[in-house]
Amino acid sequence: MSDFNFVFKEYSDEDNKIYEDVMKKIMQNIKNGMSFREAVDSIDIKDNELKGFIEDDALKILIAELCYVSKIPFEELADMLKLPLDTIRTANLEMLEDIALTLNNSFNKEGSGNA
């Protein structure tokens, strides 16, 4: 796993509402046949940092749901979303790193106790 300083940003209630609304729109657009890029580009968010976060999350959610739950191969997902396979693989690795970091942080907050 690569070493990096992961910073969790606190978002406002308004940002959280935007996130939920936009995420639903992206997912619906993809279900309606848009490519991933078309679905993301169709949303209008002035905060580029929030838009980038939503884009990253949307791809990771699609990977989790379609590849891990529905067992669709990465190659098929890449074709479906019209993305390069390397983009899917990179997002998958980032998602796994996010999960590991979250688990490590949760474990460290709870205390290690006796192993």
PDB file of N, CA and C in Angstrom:
ATOM      1  N   MET A   1       0.860  -1.180   0.000  1.00  0.00           N
ATOM      2  CA  MET A   1       0.000   0.000   0.000  1.00  0.00           C
ATOM      3  C   MET A   1       0.899   1.234   0.000  1.00  0.00           C
ATOM      4  N   SER A   2       0.557   2.221  -0.779  1.00  0.00           N
ATOM      5  CA  SER A   2       1.364   3.430  -0.839  1.00  0.00           C
ATOM      6  C   SER A   2       1.132   4.282   0.394  1.00  0.00           C
ATOM      7  N   ASP A   3       2.173   5.007   0.779  1.00  0.00           N
ATOM      8  CA  ASP A   3       2.054   5.910   1.920  1.00  0.00           C
ATOM      9  C   ASP A   3       1.603   7.266   1.430  1.00  0.00           C
ATOM     10  N   PHE A   4       0.592   7.799   2.061  1.00  0.00           N
ATOM     11  CA  PHE A   4       0.118   9.126   1.718  1.00  0.00           C
ATOM     12  C   PHE A   4      -0.632   9.681   2.904  1.00  0.00           C
ATOM     13  N   ASN A   5      -0.701  10.974   2.979  1.00  0.00           N
ATOM     14  CA  ASN A   5      -1.445  11.628   4.051  1.00  0.00           C
ATOM     15  C   ASN A   5      -2.852  11.873   3.572  1.00  0.00           C
ATOM     16  N   PHE A   6      -3.762  11.131   4.119  1.00  0.00           N
ATOM     17  CA  PHE A   6      -5.155  11.212   3.715  1.00  0.00           C
ATOM     18  C   PHE A   6      -5.858  12.165   4.661  1.00  0.00           C
ATOM     19  N   VAL A   7      -6.473  13.192   4.123  1.00  0.00           N
ATOM     20  CA  VAL A   7      -7.144  14.189   4.934  1.00  0.00           C
ATOM     21  C   VAL A   7      -8.645  14.089   4.692  1.00  0.00           C
ATOM     22  N   PHE A   8      -9.378  13.912   5.779  1.00  0.00           N
ATOM     23  CA  PHE A   8     -10.829  13.898   5.673  1.00  0.00           C
ATOM     24  C   PHE A   8     -11.318  15.324   5.850  1.00  0.00           C
ATOM     25  N   LYS A   9     -12.057  15.810   4.886  1.00  0.00           N
ATOM     26  CA  LYS A   9     -12.587  17.158   4.950  1.00  0.00           C
ATOM     27  C   LYS A   9     -13.992  17.096   5.526  1.00  0.00           C
ATOM     28  N   GLU A  10     -14.293  18.030   6.378  1.00  0.00           N
ATOM     29  CA  GLU A  10     -15.642  18.143   6.909  1.00  0.00           C
ATOM     30  C   GLU A  10     -16.473  18.953   5.917  1.00  0.00           C
ATOM     31  N   TYR A  11     -17.570  18.372   5.489  1.00  0.00           N
ATOM     32  CA  TYR A  11     -18.449  19.063   4.563  1.00  0.00           C
ATOM     33  C   TYR A  11     -19.668  19.586   5.304  1.00  0.00           C
ATOM     34  N   SER A  12     -20.201  20.689   4.813  1.00  0.00           N
ATOM     35  CA  SER A  12     -21.378  21.297   5.419  1.00  0.00           C
ATOM     36  C   SER A  12     -22.620  20.478   5.082  1.00  0.00           C
ATOM     37  N   ASP A  13     -23.717  20.766   5.780  1.00  0.00           N
ATOM     38  CA  ASP A  13     -24.987  20.106   5.465  1.00  0.00           C
ATOM     39  C   ASP A  13     -25.389  20.374   4.017  1.00  0.00           C
ATOM     40  N   GLU A  14     -25.127  21.586   3.548  1.00  0.00           N
ATOM     41  CA  GLU A  14     -25.447  21.933   2.156  1.00  0.00           C
ATOM     42  C   GLU A  14     -24.609  21.097   1.193  1.00  0.00           C
ATOM     43  N   ASP A  15     -23.307  20.941   1.487  1.00  0.00           N
ATOM     44  CA  ASP A  15     -22.441  20.107   0.658  1.00  0.00           C
ATOM     45  C   ASP A  15     -22.931  18.660   0.645  1.00  0.00           C
ATOM     46  N   ASN A  16     -23.348  18.160   1.797  1.00  0.00           N
ATOM     47  CA  ASN A  16     -23.847  16.788   1.885  1.00  0.00           C
ATOM     48  C   ASN A  16     -25.102  16.605   1.048  1.00  0.00           C
ATOM     49  N   LYS A  17     -25.973  17.610   1.042  1.00  0.00           N
ATOM     50  CA  LYS A  17     -27.197  17.543   0.220  1.00  0.00           C
ATOM     51  C   LYS A  17     -26.829  17.545  -1.260  1.00  0.00           C
ATOM     52  N   ILE A  18     -25.898  18.411  -1.633  1.00  0.00           N
ATOM     53  CA  ILE A  18     -25.435  18.462  -3.025  1.00  0.00           C
ATOM     54  C   ILE A  18     -24.859  17.095  -3.406  1.00  0.00           C
ATOM     55  N   TYR A  19     -24.039  16.530  -2.535  1.00  0.00           N
ATOM     56  CA  TYR A  19     -23.426  15.226  -2.776  1.00  0.00           C
ATOM     57  C   TYR A  19     -24.503  14.181  -3.072  1.00  0.00           C
ATOM     58  N   GLU A  20     -25.492  14.090  -2.200  1.00  0.00           N
ATOM     59  CA  GLU A  20     -26.560  13.085  -2.364  1.00  0.00           C
ATOM     60  C   GLU A  20     -27.324  13.296  -3.667  1.00  0.00           C
ATOM     61  N   ASP A  21     -27.708  14.542  -3.940  1.00  0.00           N
ATOM     62  CA  ASP A  21     -28.483  14.840  -5.153  1.00  0.00           C
ATOM     63  C   ASP A  21     -27.688  14.540  -6.420  1.00  0.00           C
ATOM     64  N   VAL A  22     -26.439  14.960  -6.434  1.00  0.00           N
ATOM     65  CA  VAL A  22     -25.598  14.780  -7.619  1.00  0.00           C
ATOM     66  C   VAL A  22     -25.262  13.309  -7.818  1.00  0.00           C
ATOM     67  N   MET A  23     -24.990  12.596  -6.737  1.00  0.00           N
ATOM     68  CA  MET A  23     -24.667  11.176  -6.845  1.00  0.00           C
ATOM     69  C   MET A  23     -25.849  10.415  -7.467  1.00  0.00           C
ATOM     70  N   LYS A  24     -27.060  10.735  -7.034  1.00  0.00           N
ATOM     71  CA  LYS A  24     -28.248  10.102  -7.612  1.00  0.00           C
ATOM     72  C   LYS A  24     -28.345  10.406  -9.105  1.00  0.00           C
ATOM     73  N   LYS A  25     -28.071  11.652  -9.476  1.00  0.00           N
ATOM     74  CA  LYS A  25     -28.157  12.053 -10.884  1.00  0.00           C
ATOM     75  C   LYS A  25     -27.105  11.322 -11.721  1.00  0.00           C
ATOM     76  N   ILE A  26     -25.890  11.224 -11.218  1.00  0.00           N
ATOM     77  CA  ILE A  26     -24.830  10.519 -11.957  1.00  0.00           C
ATOM     78  C   ILE A  26     -25.219   9.064 -12.175  1.00  0.00           C
ATOM     79  N   MET A  27     -25.656   8.412 -11.110  1.00  0.00           N
ATOM     80  CA  MET A  27     -26.012   6.991 -11.214  1.00  0.00           C
ATOM     81  C   MET A  27     -27.193   6.786 -12.167  1.00  0.00           C
ATOM     82  N   GLN A  28     -28.164   7.679 -12.113  1.00  0.00           N
ATOM     83  CA  GLN A  28     -29.310   7.569 -13.022  1.00  0.00           C
ATOM     84  C   GLN A  28     -28.879   7.779 -14.467  1.00  0.00           C
ATOM     85  N   ASN A  29     -28.004   8.742 -14.696  1.00  0.00           N
ATOM     86  CA  ASN A  29     -27.514   8.991 -16.054  1.00  0.00           C
ATOM     87  C   ASN A  29     -26.766   7.780 -16.610  1.00  0.00           C
ATOM     88  N   ILE A  30     -25.996   7.118 -15.751  1.00  0.00           N
ATOM     89  CA  ILE A  30     -25.280   5.920 -16.193  1.00  0.00           C
ATOM     90  C   ILE A  30     -26.279   4.810 -16.506  1.00  0.00           C
ATOM     91  N   LYS A  31     -27.301   4.649 -15.662  1.00  0.00           N
ATOM     92  CA  LYS A  31     -28.336   3.649 -15.931  1.00  0.00           C
ATOM     93  C   LYS A  31     -29.053   3.950 -17.238  1.00  0.00           C
ATOM     94  N   ASN A  32     -29.147   5.228 -17.592  1.00  0.00           N
ATOM     95  CA  ASN A  32     -29.812   5.634 -18.830  1.00  0.00           C
ATOM     96  C   ASN A  32     -28.896   5.543 -20.050  1.00  0.00           C
ATOM     97  N   GLY A  33     -27.673   5.038 -19.858  1.00  0.00           N
ATOM     98  CA  GLY A  33     -26.796   4.786 -20.988  1.00  0.00           C
ATOM     99  C   GLY A  33     -25.661   5.763 -21.205  1.00  0.00           C
ATOM    100  N   MET A  34     -25.539   6.771 -20.353  1.00  0.00           N
ATOM    101  CA  MET A  34     -24.419   7.700 -20.507  1.00  0.00           C
ATOM    102  C   MET A  34     -23.119   7.017 -20.097  1.00  0.00           C
ATOM    103  N   SER A  35     -22.024   7.460 -20.704  1.00  0.00           N
ATOM    104  CA  SER A  35     -20.711   7.011 -20.242  1.00  0.00           C
ATOM    105  C   SER A  35     -20.450   7.675 -18.882  1.00  0.00           C
ATOM    106  N   PHE A  36     -19.463   7.176 -18.185  1.00  0.00           N
ATOM    107  CA  PHE A  36     -19.134   7.764 -16.885  1.00  0.00           C
ATOM    108  C   PHE A  36     -18.781   9.247 -17.043  1.00  0.00           C
ATOM    109  N   ARG A  37     -17.946   9.555 -18.017  1.00  0.00           N
ATOM    110  CA  ARG A  37     -17.521  10.947 -18.234  1.00  0.00           C
ATOM    111  C   ARG A  37     -18.710  11.835 -18.571  1.00  0.00           C
ATOM    112  N   GLU A  38     -19.613  11.372 -19.428  1.00  0.00           N
ATOM    113  CA  GLU A  38     -20.808  12.155 -19.773  1.00  0.00           C
ATOM    114  C   GLU A  38     -21.667  12.394 -18.535  1.00  0.00           C
ATOM    115  N   ALA A  39     -21.823  11.370 -17.705  1.00  0.00           N
ATOM    116  CA  ALA A  39     -22.643  11.496 -16.499  1.00  0.00           C
ATOM    117  C   ALA A  39     -22.043  12.507 -15.534  1.00  0.00           C
ATOM    118  N   VAL A  40     -20.732  12.458 -15.370  1.00  0.00           N
ATOM    119  CA  VAL A  40     -20.064  13.406 -14.461  1.00  0.00           C
ATOM    120  C   VAL A  40     -20.085  14.814 -15.047  1.00  0.00           C
ATOM    121  N   ASP A  41     -19.821  14.918 -16.340  1.00  0.00           N
ATOM    122  CA  ASP A  41     -19.792  16.245 -16.974  1.00  0.00           C
ATOM    123  C   ASP A  41     -21.173  16.895 -17.036  1.00  0.00           C
ATOM    124  N   SER A  42     -22.237  16.106 -16.890  1.00  0.00           N
ATOM    125  CA  SER A  42     -23.592  16.653 -16.951  1.00  0.00           C
ATOM    126  C   SER A  42     -23.995  17.384 -15.674  1.00  0.00           C
ATOM    127  N   ILE A  43     -23.213  17.215 -14.611  1.00  0.00           N
ATOM    128  CA  ILE A  43     -23.559  17.871 -13.344  1.00  0.00           C
ATOM    129  C   ILE A  43     -22.892  19.234 -13.269  1.00  0.00           C
ATOM    130  N   ASP A  44     -23.561  20.144 -12.613  1.00  0.00           N
ATOM    131  CA  ASP A  44     -23.055  21.512 -12.489  1.00  0.00           C
ATOM    132  C   ASP A  44     -22.790  21.799 -11.016  1.00  0.00           C
ATOM    133  N   ILE A  45     -21.517  21.693 -10.644  1.00  0.00           N
ATOM    134  CA  ILE A  45     -21.098  22.015  -9.281  1.00  0.00           C
ATOM    135  C   ILE A  45     -19.985  23.037  -9.381  1.00  0.00           C
ATOM    136  N   LYS A  46     -20.144  24.132  -8.685  1.00  0.00           N
ATOM    137  CA  LYS A  46     -19.154  25.198  -8.746  1.00  0.00           C
ATOM    138  C   LYS A  46     -17.894  24.874  -7.940  1.00  0.00           C
ATOM    139  N   ASP A  47     -18.036  24.076  -6.887  1.00  0.00           N
ATOM    140  CA  ASP A  47     -16.912  23.687  -6.037  1.00  0.00           C
ATOM    141  C   ASP A  47     -16.182  22.511  -6.687  1.00  0.00           C
ATOM    142  N   ASN A  48     -15.037  22.793  -7.322  1.00  0.00           N
ATOM    143  CA  ASN A  48     -14.301  21.759  -8.038  1.00  0.00           C
ATOM    144  C   ASN A  48     -13.786  20.658  -7.122  1.00  0.00           C
ATOM    145  N   GLU A  49     -13.437  21.001  -5.884  1.00  0.00           N
ATOM    146  CA  GLU A  49     -12.973  19.992  -4.935  1.00  0.00           C
ATOM    147  C   GLU A  49     -14.104  19.006  -4.614  1.00  0.00           C
ATOM    148  N   LEU A  50     -15.306  19.531  -4.370  1.00  0.00           N
ATOM    149  CA  LEU A  50     -16.454  18.680  -4.091  1.00  0.00           C
ATOM    150  C   LEU A  50     -16.797  17.839  -5.321  1.00  0.00           C
ATOM    151  N   LYS A  51     -16.732  18.431  -6.506  1.00  0.00           N
ATOM    152  CA  LYS A  51     -17.029  17.685  -7.731  1.00  0.00           C
ATOM    153  C   LYS A  51     -16.032  16.542  -7.915  1.00  0.00           C
ATOM    154  N   GLY A  52     -14.767  16.800  -7.662  1.00  0.00           N
ATOM    155  CA  GLY A  52     -13.752  15.754  -7.768  1.00  0.00           C
ATOM    156  C   GLY A  52     -13.991  14.630  -6.773  1.00  0.00           C
ATOM    157  N   PHE A  53     -14.370  14.998  -5.562  1.00  0.00           N
ATOM    158  CA  PHE A  53     -14.673  14.010  -4.529  1.00  0.00           C
ATOM    159  C   PHE A  53     -15.859  13.146  -4.961  1.00  0.00           C
ATOM    160  N   ILE A  54     -16.891  13.771  -5.491  1.00  0.00           N
ATOM    161  CA  ILE A  54     -18.081  13.038  -5.950  1.00  0.00           C
ATOM    162  C   ILE A  54     -17.716  12.121  -7.111  1.00  0.00           C
ATOM    163  N   GLU A  55     -16.922  12.600  -8.047  1.00  0.00           N
ATOM    164  CA  GLU A  55     -16.506  11.781  -9.182  1.00  0.00           C
ATOM    165  C   GLU A  55     -15.747  10.543  -8.702  1.00  0.00           C
ATOM    166  N   ASP A  56     -14.787  10.741  -7.799  1.00  0.00           N
ATOM    167  CA  ASP A  56     -14.026   9.613  -7.255  1.00  0.00           C
ATOM    168  C   ASP A  56     -14.938   8.629  -6.537  1.00  0.00           C
ATOM    169  N   ASP A  57     -15.821   9.150  -5.708  1.00  0.00           N
ATOM    170  CA  ASP A  57     -16.743   8.293  -4.958  1.00  0.00           C
ATOM    171  C   ASP A  57     -17.673   7.516  -5.889  1.00  0.00           C
ATOM    172  N   ALA A  58     -18.189   8.179  -6.908  1.00  0.00           N
ATOM    173  CA  ALA A  58     -19.121   7.522  -7.822  1.00  0.00           C
ATOM    174  C   ALA A  58     -18.455   6.325  -8.491  1.00  0.00           C
ATOM    175  N   LEU A  59     -17.221   6.499  -8.944  1.00  0.00           N
ATOM    176  CA  LEU A  59     -16.529   5.399  -9.606  1.00  0.00           C
ATOM    177  C   LEU A  59     -16.260   4.267  -8.622  1.00  0.00           C
ATOM    178  N   LYS A  60     -15.854   4.597  -7.417  1.00  0.00           N
ATOM    179  CA  LYS A  60     -15.587   3.566  -6.403  1.00  0.00           C
ATOM    180  C   LYS A  60     -16.864   2.828  -6.016  1.00  0.00           C
ATOM    181  N   ILE A  61     -17.961   3.532  -5.925  1.00  0.00           N
ATOM    182  CA  ILE A  61     -19.247   2.892  -5.616  1.00  0.00           C
ATOM    183  C   ILE A  61     -19.637   1.938  -6.741  1.00  0.00           C
ATOM    184  N   LEU A  62     -19.466   2.371  -7.980  1.00  0.00           N
ATOM    185  CA  LEU A  62     -19.782   1.500  -9.120  1.00  0.00           C
ATOM    186  C   LEU A  62     -18.905   0.252  -9.113  1.00  0.00           C
ATOM    187  N   ILE A  63     -17.629   0.414  -8.814  1.00  0.00           N
ATOM    188  CA  ILE A  63     -16.732  -0.737  -8.739  1.00  0.00           C
ATOM    189  C   ILE A  63     -17.188  -1.686  -7.634  1.00  0.00           C
ATOM    190  N   ALA A  64     -17.470  -1.143  -6.464  1.00  0.00           N
ATOM    191  CA  ALA A  64     -17.889  -1.988  -5.342  1.00  0.00           C
ATOM    192  C   ALA A  64     -19.171  -2.741  -5.672  1.00  0.00           C
ATOM    193  N   GLU A  65     -20.153  -2.029  -6.192  1.00  0.00           N
ATOM    194  CA  GLU A  65     -21.455  -2.654  -6.465  1.00  0.00           C
ATOM    195  C   GLU A  65     -21.417  -3.616  -7.644  1.00  0.00           C
ATOM    196  N   LEU A  66     -20.759  -3.215  -8.712  1.00  0.00           N
ATOM    197  CA  LEU A  66     -20.819  -4.017  -9.931  1.00  0.00           C
ATOM    198  C   LEU A  66     -19.738  -5.097 -10.005  1.00  0.00           C
ATOM    199  N   CYS A  67     -18.548  -4.797  -9.523  1.00  0.00           N
ATOM    200  CA  CYS A  67     -17.468  -5.788  -9.610  1.00  0.00           C
ATOM    201  C   CYS A  67     -17.450  -6.725  -8.404  1.00  0.00           C
ATOM    202  N   TYR A  68     -17.618  -6.185  -7.220  1.00  0.00           N
ATOM    203  CA  TYR A  68     -17.530  -7.025  -6.031  1.00  0.00           C
ATOM    204  C   TYR A  68     -18.859  -7.686  -5.671  1.00  0.00           C
ATOM    205  N   VAL A  69     -19.955  -6.988  -5.841  1.00  0.00           N
ATOM    206  CA  VAL A  69     -21.260  -7.571  -5.497  1.00  0.00           C
ATOM    207  C   VAL A  69     -21.830  -8.350  -6.682  1.00  0.00           C
ATOM    208  N   SER A  70     -21.888  -7.714  -7.842  1.00  0.00           N
ATOM    209  CA  SER A  70     -22.497  -8.365  -9.013  1.00  0.00           C
ATOM    210  C   SER A  70     -21.509  -9.195  -9.824  1.00  0.00           C
ATOM    211  N   LYS A  71     -20.233  -9.168  -9.446  1.00  0.00           N
ATOM    212  CA  LYS A  71     -19.190 -10.005 -10.072  1.00  0.00           C
ATOM    213  C   LYS A  71     -18.931  -9.693 -11.539  1.00  0.00           C
ATOM    214  N   ILE A  72     -19.117  -8.434 -11.929  1.00  0.00           N
ATOM    215  CA  ILE A  72     -18.796  -8.010 -13.293  1.00  0.00           C
ATOM    216  C   ILE A  72     -17.289  -7.785 -13.363  1.00  0.00           C
ATOM    217  N   PRO A  73     -16.604  -8.367 -14.328  1.00  0.00           N
ATOM    218  CA  PRO A  73     -15.155  -8.166 -14.447  1.00  0.00           C
ATOM    219  C   PRO A  73     -14.806  -6.696 -14.724  1.00  0.00           C
ATOM    220  N   PHE A  74     -13.618  -6.298 -14.280  1.00  0.00           N
ATOM    221  CA  PHE A  74     -13.162  -4.919 -14.501  1.00  0.00           C
ATOM    222  C   PHE A  74     -13.230  -4.541 -15.978  1.00  0.00           C
ATOM    223  N   GLU A  75     -12.851  -5.471 -16.847  1.00  0.00           N
ATOM    224  CA  GLU A  75     -12.845  -5.189 -18.290  1.00  0.00           C
ATOM    225  C   GLU A  75     -14.249  -4.842 -18.792  1.00  0.00           C
ATOM    226  N   GLU A  76     -15.231  -5.574 -18.316  1.00  0.00           N
ATOM    227  CA  GLU A  76     -16.613  -5.324 -18.729  1.00  0.00           C
ATOM    228  C   GLU A  76     -17.110  -3.985 -18.182  1.00  0.00           C
ATOM    229  N   LEU A  77     -16.743  -3.681 -16.940  1.00  0.00           N
ATOM    230  CA  LEU A  77     -17.134  -2.389 -16.356  1.00  0.00           C
ATOM    231  C   LEU A  77     -16.496  -1.244 -17.134  1.00  0.00           C
ATOM    232  N   ALA A  78     -15.232  -1.399 -17.485  1.00  0.00           N
ATOM    233  CA  ALA A  78     -14.542  -0.357 -18.266  1.00  0.00           C
ATOM    234  C   ALA A  78     -15.258  -0.120 -19.590  1.00  0.00           C
ATOM    235  N   ASP A  79     -15.656  -1.190 -20.258  1.00  0.00           N
ATOM    236  CA  ASP A  79     -16.395  -1.056 -21.522  1.00  0.00           C
ATOM    237  C   ASP A  79     -17.743  -0.372 -21.289  1.00  0.00           C
ATOM    238  N   MET A  80     -18.433  -0.797 -20.246  1.00  0.00           N
ATOM    239  CA  MET A  80     -19.756  -0.259 -19.955  1.00  0.00           C
ATOM    240  C   MET A  80     -19.696   1.248 -19.668  1.00  0.00           C
ATOM    241  N   LEU A  81     -18.674   1.658 -18.897  1.00  0.00           N
ATOM    242  CA  LEU A  81     -18.550   3.075 -18.510  1.00  0.00           C
ATOM    243  C   LEU A  81     -17.771   3.898 -19.529  1.00  0.00           C
ATOM    244  N   LYS A  82     -17.202   3.205 -20.526  1.00  0.00           N
ATOM    245  CA  LYS A  82     -16.370   3.847 -21.552  1.00  0.00           C
ATOM    246  C   LYS A  82     -15.173   4.563 -20.914  1.00  0.00           C
ATOM    247  N   LEU A  83     -14.505   3.811 -20.032  1.00  0.00           N
ATOM    248  CA  LEU A  83     -13.302   4.297 -19.356  1.00  0.00           C
ATOM    249  C   LEU A  83     -12.156   3.345 -19.656  1.00  0.00           C
ATOM    250  N   PRO A  84     -10.921   3.855 -19.624  1.00  0.00           N
ATOM    251  CA  PRO A  84      -9.782   2.947 -19.781  1.00  0.00           C
ATOM    252  C   PRO A  84      -9.725   1.953 -18.616  1.00  0.00           C
ATOM    253  N   LEU A  85      -9.305   0.747 -18.909  1.00  0.00           N
ATOM    254  CA  LEU A  85      -9.194  -0.277 -17.880  1.00  0.00           C
ATOM    255  C   LEU A  85      -8.268   0.170 -16.753  1.00  0.00           C
ATOM    256  N   ASP A  86      -7.198   0.881 -17.086  1.00  0.00           N
ATOM    257  CA  ASP A  86      -6.272   1.368 -16.051  1.00  0.00           C
ATOM    258  C   ASP A  86      -6.960   2.316 -15.074  1.00  0.00           C
ATOM    259  N   THR A  87      -7.934   3.085 -15.538  1.00  0.00           N
ATOM    260  CA  THR A  87      -8.682   3.981 -14.655  1.00  0.00           C
ATOM    261  C   THR A  87      -9.476   3.170 -13.636  1.00  0.00           C
ATOM    262  N   ILE A  88     -10.092   2.086 -14.085  1.00  0.00           N
ATOM    263  CA  ILE A  88     -10.850   1.210 -13.183  1.00  0.00           C
ATOM    264  C   ILE A  88      -9.911   0.573 -12.175  1.00  0.00           C
ATOM    265  N   ARG A  89      -8.795   0.055 -12.650  1.00  0.00           N
ATOM    266  CA  ARG A  89      -7.832  -0.603 -11.748  1.00  0.00           C
ATOM    267  C   ARG A  89      -7.265   0.373 -10.726  1.00  0.00           C
ATOM    268  N   THR A  90      -6.939   1.581 -11.153  1.00  0.00           N
ATOM    269  CA  THR A  90      -6.397   2.582 -10.231  1.00  0.00           C
ATOM    270  C   THR A  90      -7.436   2.966  -9.184  1.00  0.00           C
ATOM    271  N   ALA A  91      -8.667   3.191  -9.609  1.00  0.00           N
ATOM    272  CA  ALA A  91      -9.740   3.535  -8.664  1.00  0.00           C
ATOM    273  C   ALA A  91      -9.979   2.392  -7.687  1.00  0.00           C
ATOM    274  N   ASN A  92      -9.888   1.162  -8.170  1.00  0.00           N
ATOM    275  CA  ASN A  92     -10.063   0.007  -7.299  1.00  0.00           C
ATOM    276  C   ASN A  92      -8.974  -0.022  -6.221  1.00  0.00           C
ATOM    277  N   LEU A  93      -7.725   0.187  -6.619  1.00  0.00           N
ATOM    278  CA  LEU A  93      -6.635   0.204  -5.642  1.00  0.00           C
ATOM    279  C   LEU A  93      -6.810   1.338  -4.634  1.00  0.00           C
ATOM    280  N   GLU A  94      -7.225   2.504  -5.110  1.00  0.00           N
ATOM    281  CA  GLU A  94      -7.476   3.626  -4.192  1.00  0.00           C
ATOM    282  C   GLU A  94      -8.597   3.288  -3.220  1.00  0.00           C
ATOM    283  N   MET A  95      -9.640   2.625  -3.719  1.00  0.00           N
ATOM    284  CA  MET A  95     -10.755   2.234  -2.864  1.00  0.00           C
ATOM    285  C   MET A  95     -10.278   1.262  -1.788  1.00  0.00           C
ATOM    286  N   LEU A  96      -9.467   0.298  -2.167  1.00  0.00           N
ATOM    287  CA  LEU A  96      -8.944  -0.660  -1.191  1.00  0.00           C
ATOM    288  C   LEU A  96      -8.051   0.031  -0.164  1.00  0.00           C
ATOM    289  N   GLU A  97      -7.258   1.013  -0.605  1.00  0.00           N
ATOM    290  CA  GLU A  97      -6.440   1.787   0.329  1.00  0.00           C
ATOM    291  C   GLU A  97      -7.320   2.593   1.277  1.00  0.00           C
ATOM    292  N   ASP A  98      -8.396   3.179   0.750  1.00  0.00           N
ATOM    293  CA  ASP A  98      -9.344   3.922   1.592  1.00  0.00           C
ATOM    294  C   ASP A  98      -9.922   3.014   2.673  1.00  0.00           C
ATOM    295  N   ILE A  99     -10.292   1.803   2.277  1.00  0.00           N
ATOM    296  CA  ILE A  99     -10.872   0.849   3.227  1.00  0.00           C
ATOM    297  C   ILE A  99      -9.851   0.480   4.288  1.00  0.00           C
ATOM    298  N   ALA A 100      -8.625   0.182   3.877  1.00  0.00           N
ATOM    299  CA  ALA A 100      -7.578  -0.182   4.830  1.00  0.00           C
ATOM    300  C   ALA A 100      -7.299   0.960   5.798  1.00  0.00           C
ATOM    301  N   LEU A 101      -7.237   2.176   5.284  1.00  0.00           N
ATOM    302  CA  LEU A 101      -6.994   3.340   6.136  1.00  0.00           C
ATOM    303  C   LEU A 101      -8.125   3.537   7.136  1.00  0.00           C
ATOM    304  N   THR A 102      -9.347   3.393   6.670  1.00  0.00           N
ATOM    305  CA  THR A 102     -10.508   3.532   7.555  1.00  0.00           C
ATOM    306  C   THR A 102     -10.487   2.466   8.643  1.00  0.00           C
ATOM    307  N   LEU A 103     -10.188   1.233   8.264  1.00  0.00           N
ATOM    308  CA  LEU A 103     -10.115   0.152   9.248  1.00  0.00           C
ATOM    309  C   LEU A 103      -9.001   0.388  10.255  1.00  0.00           C
ATOM    310  N   ASN A 104      -7.830   0.823   9.773  1.00  0.00           N
ATOM    311  CA  ASN A 104      -6.713   1.107  10.675  1.00  0.00           C
ATOM    312  C   ASN A 104      -7.048   2.234  11.636  1.00  0.00           C
ATOM    313  N   ASN A 105      -7.676   3.289  11.124  1.00  0.00           N
ATOM    314  CA  ASN A 105      -8.044   4.415  11.984  1.00  0.00           C
ATOM    315  C   ASN A 105      -9.089   3.994  13.006  1.00  0.00           C
ATOM    316  N   SER A 106     -10.053   3.185  12.596  1.00  0.00           N
ATOM    317  CA  SER A 106     -11.081   2.707  13.517  1.00  0.00           C
ATOM    318  C   SER A 106     -10.464   1.831  14.588  1.00  0.00           C
ATOM    319  N   PHE A 107      -9.564   0.950  14.195  1.00  0.00           N
ATOM    320  CA  PHE A 107      -8.912   0.050  15.137  1.00  0.00           C
ATOM    321  C   PHE A 107      -8.068   0.844  16.130  1.00  0.00           C
ATOM    322  N   ASN A 108      -7.329   1.828  15.648  1.00  0.00           N
ATOM    323  CA  ASN A 108      -6.462   2.633  16.510  1.00  0.00           C
ATOM    324  C   ASN A 108      -7.263   3.475  17.487  1.00  0.00           C
ATOM    325  N   LYS A 109      -8.441   3.969  17.090  1.00  0.00           N
ATOM    326  CA  LYS A 109      -9.286   4.760  17.979  1.00  0.00           C
ATOM    327  C   LYS A 109      -9.871   3.913  19.098  1.00  0.00           C
ATOM    328  N   GLU A 110     -10.170   2.651  18.790  1.00  0.00           N
ATOM    329  CA  GLU A 110     -10.767   1.761  19.771  1.00  0.00           C
ATOM    330  C   GLU A 110      -9.731   1.241  20.754  1.00  0.00           C
ATOM    331  N   GLY A 111      -8.484   1.356  20.434  1.00  0.00           N
ATOM    332  CA  GLY A 111      -7.415   0.821  21.275  1.00  0.00           C
ATOM    333  C   GLY A 111      -7.138  -0.609  20.904  1.00  0.00           C
ATOM    334  N   SER A 112      -5.898  -1.001  21.064  1.00  0.00           N
ATOM    335  CA  SER A 112      -5.527  -2.339  20.624  1.00  0.00           C
ATOM    336  C   SER A 112      -5.812  -3.423  21.645  1.00  0.00           C
ATOM    337  N   GLY A 113      -5.849  -3.087  22.922  1.00  0.00           N
ATOM    338  CA  GLY A 113      -6.125  -4.127  23.920  1.00  0.00           C
ATOM    339  C   GLY A 113      -5.073  -5.205  23.871  1.00  0.00           C
ATOM    340  N   ASN A 114      -5.397  -6.404  24.248  1.00  0.00           N
ATOM    341  CA  ASN A 114      -4.476  -7.534  24.185  1.00  0.00           C
ATOM    342  C   ASN A 114      -4.650  -8.255  22.865  1.00  0.00           C
ATOM    343  N   ALA A 115      -3.549  -8.490  22.216  1.00  0.00           N
ATOM    344  CA  ALA A 115      -3.606  -9.169  20.916  1.00  0.00           C
ATOM    345  C   ALA A 115      -3.525 -10.660  21.088  1.00  0.00           C
TER     346      ALA A 115
END
